[in-house]
Amino acid sequence: MKTIPDQIADIKEKLPDLTPTPPSLKAQVSSHDLKARLDWGEPGLTIIDARDFESFDKSRITGAVPMPMDELVDRAKASLEPVRDIYIYAETDEQTAEAANLLRAAGFRKVAELKGGIPAWKAIDGPIDGALEHGNPGPAAYNVFARLQHHAKAQKINK
């Protein structure tokens, strides 16, 4: 007669693998591939924006971290594990490939180039952050007095 642990092991062998796995990481990925990975819900990845800080501030994939090309390797080594899944994009596909190759040469083993960058991400309605995406708030947005005056005027109009 089998023990309970042996019976459990036998049953597990007969069942298919029920543990979900993320989409596989390829050297080059589309926006759809990255979105599928994000939709899968497992947070074990990093999205790197290898453009300059000004471009990053204007528009970026939500959750991306800025690592401009000239600082890329140093910043990545300081903050990421070499086995971390990394998705990277830059201004052009050529710059993206260059940035990915810099990371690979530095010992990062799981680097995926996001083909099409920000335009491709926007085309599939991927979440975007940045000043261009949400408008640049005027000085009144940070002035409590001006905001209270605006609110008071709106209340008078609505009466």
N, C-alpha and C. Protein backbone atom coordinates (compact mmCIF):
# COMPACT_ATOMS: atom_id res chain seq x y z
N MET A 1 0.84 -1.17 0.00
CA MET A 1 0.00 0.00 0.00
C MET A 1 0.90 1.25 0.00
N LYS A 2 0.54 2.22 -0.88
CA LYS A 2 1.34 3.44 -1.02
C LYS A 2 1.01 4.41 0.10
N THR A 3 2.03 5.16 0.48
CA THR A 3 1.82 6.20 1.49
C THR A 3 1.13 7.40 0.83
N ILE A 4 0.61 8.28 1.65
CA ILE A 4 -0.09 9.45 1.12
C ILE A 4 0.85 10.32 0.28
N PRO A 5 2.07 10.60 0.72
CA PRO A 5 2.97 11.40 -0.13
C PRO A 5 3.24 10.73 -1.48
N ASP A 6 3.35 9.39 -1.51
CA ASP A 6 3.56 8.68 -2.78
C ASP A 6 2.33 8.81 -3.67
N GLN A 7 1.14 8.72 -3.08
CA GLN A 7 -0.09 8.87 -3.86
C GLN A 7 -0.20 10.27 -4.45
N ILE A 8 0.16 11.27 -3.66
CA ILE A 8 0.14 12.66 -4.15
C ILE A 8 1.12 12.83 -5.30
N ALA A 9 2.31 12.27 -5.17
CA ALA A 9 3.31 12.35 -6.24
C ALA A 9 2.80 11.69 -7.51
N ASP A 10 2.14 10.53 -7.38
CA ASP A 10 1.58 9.84 -8.55
C ASP A 10 0.53 10.69 -9.25
N ILE A 11 -0.33 11.32 -8.47
CA ILE A 11 -1.38 12.15 -9.05
C ILE A 11 -0.78 13.36 -9.75
N LYS A 12 0.23 13.99 -9.14
CA LYS A 12 0.87 15.15 -9.76
C LYS A 12 1.52 14.79 -11.09
N GLU A 13 2.08 13.59 -11.19
CA GLU A 13 2.71 13.16 -12.44
C GLU A 13 1.68 12.99 -13.55
N LYS A 14 0.47 12.60 -13.19
CA LYS A 14 -0.58 12.35 -14.19
C LYS A 14 -1.25 13.64 -14.65
N LEU A 15 -1.19 14.69 -13.84
CA LEU A 15 -1.82 15.96 -14.20
C LEU A 15 -0.88 16.79 -15.07
N PRO A 16 -1.46 17.59 -15.97
CA PRO A 16 -0.60 18.50 -16.75
C PRO A 16 -0.05 19.59 -15.83
N ASP A 17 0.97 20.25 -16.31
CA ASP A 17 1.56 21.34 -15.53
C ASP A 17 0.57 22.50 -15.50
N LEU A 18 0.03 22.80 -14.34
CA LEU A 18 -0.98 23.83 -14.22
C LEU A 18 -0.42 25.20 -13.84
N THR A 19 0.86 25.26 -13.62
CA THR A 19 1.48 26.52 -13.25
C THR A 19 1.60 27.40 -14.49
N PRO A 20 0.99 28.59 -14.45
CA PRO A 20 1.09 29.46 -15.63
C PRO A 20 2.52 29.98 -15.79
N THR A 21 2.90 30.18 -17.01
CA THR A 21 4.23 30.71 -17.30
C THR A 21 4.08 31.94 -18.19
N PRO A 22 4.96 32.92 -18.03
CA PRO A 22 4.87 34.11 -18.87
C PRO A 22 5.26 33.80 -20.30
N PRO A 23 4.85 34.67 -21.23
CA PRO A 23 5.33 34.49 -22.60
C PRO A 23 6.86 34.49 -22.61
N SER A 24 7.43 33.70 -23.49
CA SER A 24 8.89 33.58 -23.51
C SER A 24 9.54 34.89 -23.97
N LEU A 25 10.72 35.14 -23.45
CA LEU A 25 11.47 36.34 -23.79
C LEU A 25 12.30 36.07 -25.04
N LYS A 26 12.11 36.91 -26.06
CA LYS A 26 12.86 36.78 -27.30
C LYS A 26 13.81 37.97 -27.43
N ALA A 27 14.77 37.86 -28.33
CA ALA A 27 15.74 38.95 -28.52
C ALA A 27 15.06 40.21 -29.04
N GLN A 28 14.04 40.06 -29.87
CA GLN A 28 13.28 41.19 -30.38
C GLN A 28 11.80 40.90 -30.15
N VAL A 29 11.09 41.90 -29.61
CA VAL A 29 9.68 41.71 -29.31
C VAL A 29 8.86 42.86 -29.88
N SER A 30 7.60 42.57 -30.12
CA SER A 30 6.67 43.61 -30.57
C SER A 30 5.99 44.22 -29.35
N SER A 31 5.28 45.29 -29.59
CA SER A 31 4.51 45.91 -28.51
C SER A 31 3.49 44.94 -27.95
N HIS A 32 2.91 44.12 -28.84
CA HIS A 32 1.92 43.13 -28.40
C HIS A 32 2.56 42.12 -27.44
N ASP A 33 3.80 41.73 -27.73
CA ASP A 33 4.50 40.78 -26.85
C ASP A 33 4.70 41.37 -25.45
N LEU A 34 5.14 42.63 -25.39
CA LEU A 34 5.35 43.27 -24.09
C LEU A 34 4.02 43.44 -23.36
N LYS A 35 2.99 43.84 -24.09
CA LYS A 35 1.68 44.02 -23.45
C LYS A 35 1.16 42.70 -22.91
N ALA A 36 1.36 41.61 -23.66
CA ALA A 36 0.95 40.29 -23.18
C ALA A 36 1.69 39.93 -21.90
N ARG A 37 2.96 40.26 -21.85
CA ARG A 37 3.76 39.97 -20.65
C ARG A 37 3.25 40.79 -19.46
N LEU A 38 2.95 42.05 -19.69
CA LEU A 38 2.43 42.90 -18.61
C LEU A 38 1.03 42.44 -18.18
N ASP A 39 0.21 42.05 -19.15
CA ASP A 39 -1.14 41.57 -18.83
C ASP A 39 -1.10 40.26 -18.07
N TRP A 40 -0.04 39.50 -18.27
CA TRP A 40 0.10 38.23 -17.56
C TRP A 40 0.18 38.48 -16.06
N GLY A 41 0.69 39.64 -15.68
CA GLY A 41 0.65 40.06 -14.30
C GLY A 41 1.86 39.77 -13.45
N GLU A 42 2.85 39.10 -13.95
CA GLU A 42 4.03 38.77 -13.16
C GLU A 42 5.01 39.93 -13.28
N PRO A 43 5.39 40.54 -12.17
CA PRO A 43 6.18 41.77 -12.24
C PRO A 43 7.68 41.58 -12.42
N GLY A 44 8.16 40.40 -12.68
CA GLY A 44 9.60 40.16 -12.74
C GLY A 44 10.25 40.65 -14.01
N LEU A 45 10.04 41.92 -14.36
CA LEU A 45 10.67 42.48 -15.55
C LEU A 45 10.94 43.95 -15.32
N THR A 46 11.81 44.49 -16.15
CA THR A 46 12.12 45.91 -16.12
C THR A 46 12.06 46.44 -17.54
N ILE A 47 11.40 47.59 -17.70
CA ILE A 47 11.35 48.27 -18.99
C ILE A 47 12.30 49.45 -18.91
N ILE A 48 13.27 49.49 -19.82
CA ILE A 48 14.27 50.57 -19.83
C ILE A 48 14.03 51.48 -21.03
N ASP A 49 14.00 52.77 -20.76
CA ASP A 49 13.93 53.80 -21.79
C ASP A 49 15.35 54.34 -21.95
N ALA A 50 15.99 54.02 -23.08
CA ALA A 50 17.39 54.41 -23.30
C ALA A 50 17.53 55.76 -24.01
N ARG A 51 16.43 56.50 -24.11
CA ARG A 51 16.49 57.83 -24.71
C ARG A 51 17.01 58.84 -23.68
N ASP A 52 17.21 60.09 -24.10
CA ASP A 52 17.67 61.11 -23.16
C ASP A 52 16.55 61.47 -22.18
N PHE A 53 16.92 62.15 -21.09
CA PHE A 53 15.96 62.48 -20.04
C PHE A 53 14.82 63.37 -20.54
N GLU A 54 15.12 64.28 -21.45
CA GLU A 54 14.08 65.17 -21.98
C GLU A 54 13.01 64.38 -22.71
N SER A 55 13.42 63.43 -23.54
CA SER A 55 12.45 62.59 -24.25
C SER A 55 11.66 61.73 -23.27
N PHE A 56 12.35 61.21 -22.26
CA PHE A 56 11.69 60.40 -21.23
C PHE A 56 10.61 61.21 -20.52
N ASP A 57 10.93 62.47 -20.18
CA ASP A 57 9.97 63.31 -19.47
C ASP A 57 8.74 63.62 -20.33
N LYS A 58 8.94 63.74 -21.64
CA LYS A 58 7.83 64.06 -22.53
C LYS A 58 6.86 62.89 -22.69
N SER A 59 7.39 61.70 -22.89
CA SER A 59 6.53 60.55 -23.17
C SER A 59 7.31 59.27 -22.93
N ARG A 60 6.68 58.33 -22.21
CA ARG A 60 7.35 57.07 -21.91
C ARG A 60 6.31 56.00 -21.64
N ILE A 61 6.73 54.76 -21.77
CA ILE A 61 5.88 53.63 -21.41
C ILE A 61 5.72 53.66 -19.89
N THR A 62 4.49 53.52 -19.44
CA THR A 62 4.24 53.53 -18.00
C THR A 62 5.08 52.45 -17.31
N GLY A 63 5.80 52.87 -16.30
CA GLY A 63 6.65 51.94 -15.55
C GLY A 63 8.08 51.86 -16.04
N ALA A 64 8.38 52.49 -17.18
CA ALA A 64 9.76 52.45 -17.70
C ALA A 64 10.67 53.28 -16.81
N VAL A 65 11.93 52.86 -16.75
CA VAL A 65 12.94 53.61 -15.99
C VAL A 65 13.92 54.25 -16.97
N PRO A 66 14.34 55.49 -16.68
CA PRO A 66 15.25 56.17 -17.60
C PRO A 66 16.69 55.71 -17.40
N MET A 67 17.30 55.29 -18.49
CA MET A 67 18.73 54.96 -18.47
C MET A 67 19.30 55.38 -19.82
N PRO A 68 19.65 56.68 -19.96
CA PRO A 68 20.18 57.16 -21.23
C PRO A 68 21.39 56.34 -21.67
N MET A 69 21.58 56.28 -22.96
CA MET A 69 22.61 55.44 -23.56
C MET A 69 23.99 55.63 -22.92
N ASP A 70 24.37 56.88 -22.63
CA ASP A 70 25.71 57.12 -22.08
C ASP A 70 25.86 56.66 -20.63
N GLU A 71 24.75 56.40 -19.95
CA GLU A 71 24.79 55.93 -18.56
C GLU A 71 24.24 54.51 -18.41
N LEU A 72 23.80 53.94 -19.50
CA LEU A 72 23.03 52.70 -19.48
C LEU A 72 23.69 51.57 -18.70
N VAL A 73 24.89 51.20 -19.07
CA VAL A 73 25.54 50.04 -18.46
C VAL A 73 25.80 50.27 -16.97
N ASP A 74 26.32 51.44 -16.62
CA ASP A 74 26.60 51.73 -15.21
C ASP A 74 25.34 51.69 -14.36
N ARG A 75 24.27 52.32 -14.86
CA ARG A 75 23.02 52.35 -14.09
C ARG A 75 22.39 50.97 -14.01
N ALA A 76 22.46 50.21 -15.10
CA ALA A 76 21.88 48.86 -15.09
C ALA A 76 22.63 47.96 -14.11
N LYS A 77 23.96 48.02 -14.15
CA LYS A 77 24.75 47.20 -13.23
C LYS A 77 24.48 47.56 -11.77
N ALA A 78 24.22 48.83 -11.52
CA ALA A 78 23.98 49.29 -10.15
C ALA A 78 22.60 48.90 -9.62
N SER A 79 21.65 48.67 -10.53
CA SER A 79 20.29 48.46 -10.05
C SER A 79 19.60 47.17 -10.49
N LEU A 80 20.19 46.42 -11.41
CA LEU A 80 19.51 45.23 -11.94
C LEU A 80 20.38 43.98 -11.81
N GLU A 81 19.72 42.86 -11.62
CA GLU A 81 20.41 41.57 -11.61
C GLU A 81 20.68 41.14 -13.05
N PRO A 82 21.78 40.44 -13.32
CA PRO A 82 22.09 40.01 -14.69
C PRO A 82 21.07 39.03 -15.28
N VAL A 83 20.26 38.40 -14.44
CA VAL A 83 19.27 37.44 -14.94
C VAL A 83 17.87 38.05 -15.03
N ARG A 84 17.74 39.33 -14.78
CA ARG A 84 16.45 40.02 -14.83
C ARG A 84 15.97 40.10 -16.27
N ASP A 85 14.65 39.91 -16.49
CA ASP A 85 14.07 40.11 -17.81
C ASP A 85 14.01 41.61 -18.08
N ILE A 86 14.66 42.05 -19.16
CA ILE A 86 14.73 43.47 -19.49
C ILE A 86 14.14 43.69 -20.87
N TYR A 87 13.23 44.66 -20.96
CA TYR A 87 12.70 45.12 -22.23
C TYR A 87 13.23 46.53 -22.41
N ILE A 88 13.82 46.81 -23.57
CA ILE A 88 14.47 48.11 -23.77
C ILE A 88 14.00 48.75 -25.07
N TYR A 89 13.89 50.07 -25.06
CA TYR A 89 13.57 50.82 -26.28
C TYR A 89 14.33 52.14 -26.27
N ALA A 90 14.49 52.70 -27.48
CA ALA A 90 15.18 53.98 -27.65
C ALA A 90 14.44 54.77 -28.74
N GLU A 91 15.09 55.78 -29.31
CA GLU A 91 14.46 56.61 -30.34
C GLU A 91 14.16 55.81 -31.61
N THR A 92 15.12 54.97 -32.02
CA THR A 92 14.97 54.19 -33.25
C THR A 92 15.26 52.73 -32.94
N ASP A 93 14.88 51.86 -33.87
CA ASP A 93 15.19 50.44 -33.69
C ASP A 93 16.69 50.19 -33.68
N GLU A 94 17.45 51.01 -34.44
CA GLU A 94 18.90 50.86 -34.46
C GLU A 94 19.50 51.21 -33.09
N GLN A 95 19.03 52.30 -32.51
CA GLN A 95 19.51 52.68 -31.18
C GLN A 95 19.08 51.66 -30.13
N THR A 96 17.88 51.11 -30.30
CA THR A 96 17.41 50.08 -29.38
C THR A 96 18.33 48.87 -29.44
N ALA A 97 18.70 48.45 -30.66
CA ALA A 97 19.59 47.30 -30.83
C ALA A 97 20.96 47.59 -30.22
N GLU A 98 21.45 48.81 -30.41
CA GLU A 98 22.75 49.20 -29.84
C GLU A 98 22.69 49.13 -28.30
N ALA A 99 21.63 49.66 -27.72
CA ALA A 99 21.48 49.64 -26.26
C ALA A 99 21.39 48.21 -25.74
N ALA A 100 20.62 47.38 -26.43
CA ALA A 100 20.48 45.98 -26.01
C ALA A 100 21.82 45.26 -26.08
N ASN A 101 22.58 45.53 -27.13
CA ASN A 101 23.90 44.89 -27.27
C ASN A 101 24.87 45.35 -26.18
N LEU A 102 24.77 46.61 -25.76
CA LEU A 102 25.60 47.09 -24.65
C LEU A 102 25.29 46.31 -23.38
N LEU A 103 24.00 46.10 -23.12
CA LEU A 103 23.61 45.35 -21.92
C LEU A 103 24.06 43.89 -22.01
N ARG A 104 23.89 43.30 -23.18
CA ARG A 104 24.30 41.90 -23.35
C ARG A 104 25.81 41.76 -23.15
N ALA A 105 26.58 42.71 -23.69
CA ALA A 105 28.04 42.67 -23.54
C ALA A 105 28.44 42.87 -22.08
N ALA A 106 27.59 43.54 -21.30
CA ALA A 106 27.87 43.78 -19.88
C ALA A 106 27.44 42.60 -19.01
N GLY A 107 26.91 41.55 -19.64
CA GLY A 107 26.57 40.35 -18.88
C GLY A 107 25.09 40.13 -18.61
N PHE A 108 24.23 41.01 -19.11
CA PHE A 108 22.80 40.81 -18.94
C PHE A 108 22.33 39.79 -19.97
N ARG A 109 21.71 38.72 -19.50
CA ARG A 109 21.40 37.59 -20.37
C ARG A 109 20.00 37.62 -20.95
N LYS A 110 19.08 38.35 -20.35
CA LYS A 110 17.69 38.34 -20.79
C LYS A 110 17.27 39.75 -21.21
N VAL A 111 17.65 40.13 -22.42
CA VAL A 111 17.37 41.48 -22.92
C VAL A 111 16.56 41.36 -24.20
N ALA A 112 15.41 42.05 -24.22
CA ALA A 112 14.54 42.05 -25.39
C ALA A 112 14.44 43.46 -25.95
N GLU A 113 14.61 43.59 -27.25
CA GLU A 113 14.51 44.88 -27.94
C GLU A 113 13.05 45.10 -28.32
N LEU A 114 12.46 46.20 -27.87
CA LEU A 114 11.09 46.53 -28.22
C LEU A 114 11.08 47.21 -29.58
N LYS A 115 10.61 46.51 -30.59
CA LYS A 115 10.59 47.04 -31.95
C LYS A 115 9.51 48.12 -32.08
N GLY A 116 9.87 49.23 -32.69
CA GLY A 116 8.92 50.31 -32.93
C GLY A 116 8.85 51.34 -31.81
N GLY A 117 9.38 51.02 -30.65
CA GLY A 117 9.45 51.97 -29.54
C GLY A 117 8.11 52.57 -29.14
N ILE A 118 8.14 53.83 -28.74
CA ILE A 118 6.95 54.54 -28.27
C ILE A 118 5.83 54.57 -29.32
N PRO A 119 6.12 54.88 -30.60
CA PRO A 119 5.03 54.91 -31.58
C PRO A 119 4.28 53.57 -31.68
N ALA A 120 5.00 52.47 -31.67
CA ALA A 120 4.35 51.16 -31.74
C ALA A 120 3.54 50.89 -30.47
N TRP A 121 4.06 51.31 -29.33
CA TRP A 121 3.35 51.12 -28.06
C TRP A 121 2.05 51.93 -28.04
N LYS A 122 2.13 53.19 -28.53
CA LYS A 122 0.92 54.02 -28.60
C LYS A 122 -0.10 53.43 -29.57
N ALA A 123 0.38 52.82 -30.65
CA ALA A 123 -0.52 52.27 -31.67
C ALA A 123 -1.41 51.16 -31.12
N ILE A 124 -0.96 50.47 -30.07
CA ILE A 124 -1.79 49.41 -29.48
C ILE A 124 -2.45 49.89 -28.19
N ASP A 125 -2.45 51.21 -27.98
CA ASP A 125 -3.03 51.82 -26.78
C ASP A 125 -2.39 51.33 -25.50
N GLY A 126 -1.07 51.13 -25.55
CA GLY A 126 -0.34 50.78 -24.33
C GLY A 126 -0.31 51.99 -23.41
N PRO A 127 -0.28 51.77 -22.10
CA PRO A 127 -0.28 52.90 -21.17
C PRO A 127 0.99 53.75 -21.27
N ILE A 128 0.78 55.06 -21.33
CA ILE A 128 1.85 56.03 -21.54
C ILE A 128 1.80 57.07 -20.42
N ASP A 129 2.96 57.54 -20.01
CA ASP A 129 3.08 58.65 -19.07
C ASP A 129 3.92 59.74 -19.71
N GLY A 130 3.91 60.92 -19.11
CA GLY A 130 4.77 62.00 -19.58
C GLY A 130 4.01 63.29 -19.78
N ALA A 131 4.75 64.38 -19.88
CA ALA A 131 4.16 65.71 -20.01
C ALA A 131 3.34 65.86 -21.28
N LEU A 132 3.79 65.30 -22.40
CA LEU A 132 3.03 65.41 -23.64
C LEU A 132 1.73 64.63 -23.57
N GLU A 133 1.74 63.57 -22.82
CA GLU A 133 0.57 62.69 -22.75
C GLU A 133 -0.52 63.25 -21.84
N HIS A 134 -0.13 63.91 -20.78
CA HIS A 134 -1.11 64.38 -19.80
C HIS A 134 -1.19 65.89 -19.72
N GLY A 135 -0.55 66.56 -20.65
CA GLY A 135 -0.55 68.01 -20.63
C GLY A 135 0.40 68.54 -19.58
N ASN A 136 0.90 69.69 -19.84
CA ASN A 136 1.82 70.32 -18.90
C ASN A 136 1.01 71.25 -18.01
N PRO A 137 0.88 70.95 -16.72
CA PRO A 137 0.06 71.81 -15.86
C PRO A 137 0.67 73.20 -15.76
N GLY A 138 -0.19 74.19 -15.79
CA GLY A 138 0.27 75.56 -15.65
C GLY A 138 0.64 75.87 -14.21
N PRO A 139 1.18 77.06 -13.98
CA PRO A 139 1.59 77.43 -12.62
C PRO A 139 0.43 77.40 -11.63
N ALA A 140 -0.79 77.70 -12.11
CA ALA A 140 -1.96 77.71 -11.22
C ALA A 140 -2.25 76.33 -10.64
N ALA A 141 -1.80 75.28 -11.31
CA ALA A 141 -2.03 73.93 -10.81
C ALA A 141 -1.32 73.70 -9.48
N TYR A 142 -0.29 74.48 -9.22
CA TYR A 142 0.48 74.32 -7.99
C TYR A 142 0.20 75.45 -6.99
N ASN A 143 -0.70 76.36 -7.34
CA ASN A 143 -1.02 77.50 -6.50
C ASN A 143 -2.38 77.26 -5.86
N VAL A 144 -2.39 77.01 -4.57
CA VAL A 144 -3.63 76.69 -3.86
C VAL A 144 -4.63 77.83 -3.95
N PHE A 145 -4.17 79.07 -3.80
CA PHE A 145 -5.07 80.21 -3.84
C PHE A 145 -5.77 80.31 -5.20
N ALA A 146 -5.01 80.16 -6.28
CA ALA A 146 -5.59 80.23 -7.62
C ALA A 146 -6.60 79.10 -7.84
N ARG A 147 -6.31 77.94 -7.31
CA ARG A 147 -7.25 76.81 -7.46
C ARG A 147 -8.53 77.06 -6.68
N LEU A 148 -8.43 77.65 -5.49
CA LEU A 148 -9.62 77.97 -4.70
C LEU A 148 -10.47 79.03 -5.39
N GLN A 149 -9.82 80.03 -6.00
CA GLN A 149 -10.55 81.05 -6.74
C GLN A 149 -11.30 80.42 -7.92
N HIS A 150 -10.62 79.53 -8.63
CA HIS A 150 -11.25 78.85 -9.77
C HIS A 150 -12.45 78.03 -9.29
N HIS A 151 -12.30 77.34 -8.19
CA HIS A 151 -13.39 76.53 -7.64
C HIS A 151 -14.58 77.42 -7.23
N ALA A 152 -14.30 78.56 -6.60
CA ALA A 152 -15.37 79.48 -6.19
C ALA A 152 -16.13 80.00 -7.40
N LYS A 153 -15.41 80.35 -8.47
CA LYS A 153 -16.06 80.81 -9.70
C LYS A 153 -16.94 79.72 -10.29
N ALA A 154 -16.45 78.49 -10.29
CA ALA A 154 -17.22 77.37 -10.83
C ALA A 154 -18.49 77.15 -10.00
N GLN A 155 -18.41 77.34 -8.69
CA GLN A 155 -19.57 77.17 -7.83
C GLN A 155 -20.63 78.24 -8.11
N LYS A 156 -20.20 79.49 -8.37
CA LYS A 156 -21.14 80.57 -8.67
C LYS A 156 -21.85 80.31 -9.99
N ILE A 157 -21.12 79.80 -10.97
CA ILE A 157 -21.70 79.52 -12.29
C ILE A 157 -22.73 78.40 -12.19
N ASN A 158 -22.47 77.41 -11.38
CA ASN A 158 -23.36 76.25 -11.26
C ASN A 158 -24.61 76.52 -10.43
N LYS A 159 -24.71 77.68 -9.77
CA LYS A 159 -25.89 77.97 -8.93
C LYS A 159 -27.03 78.50 -9.73
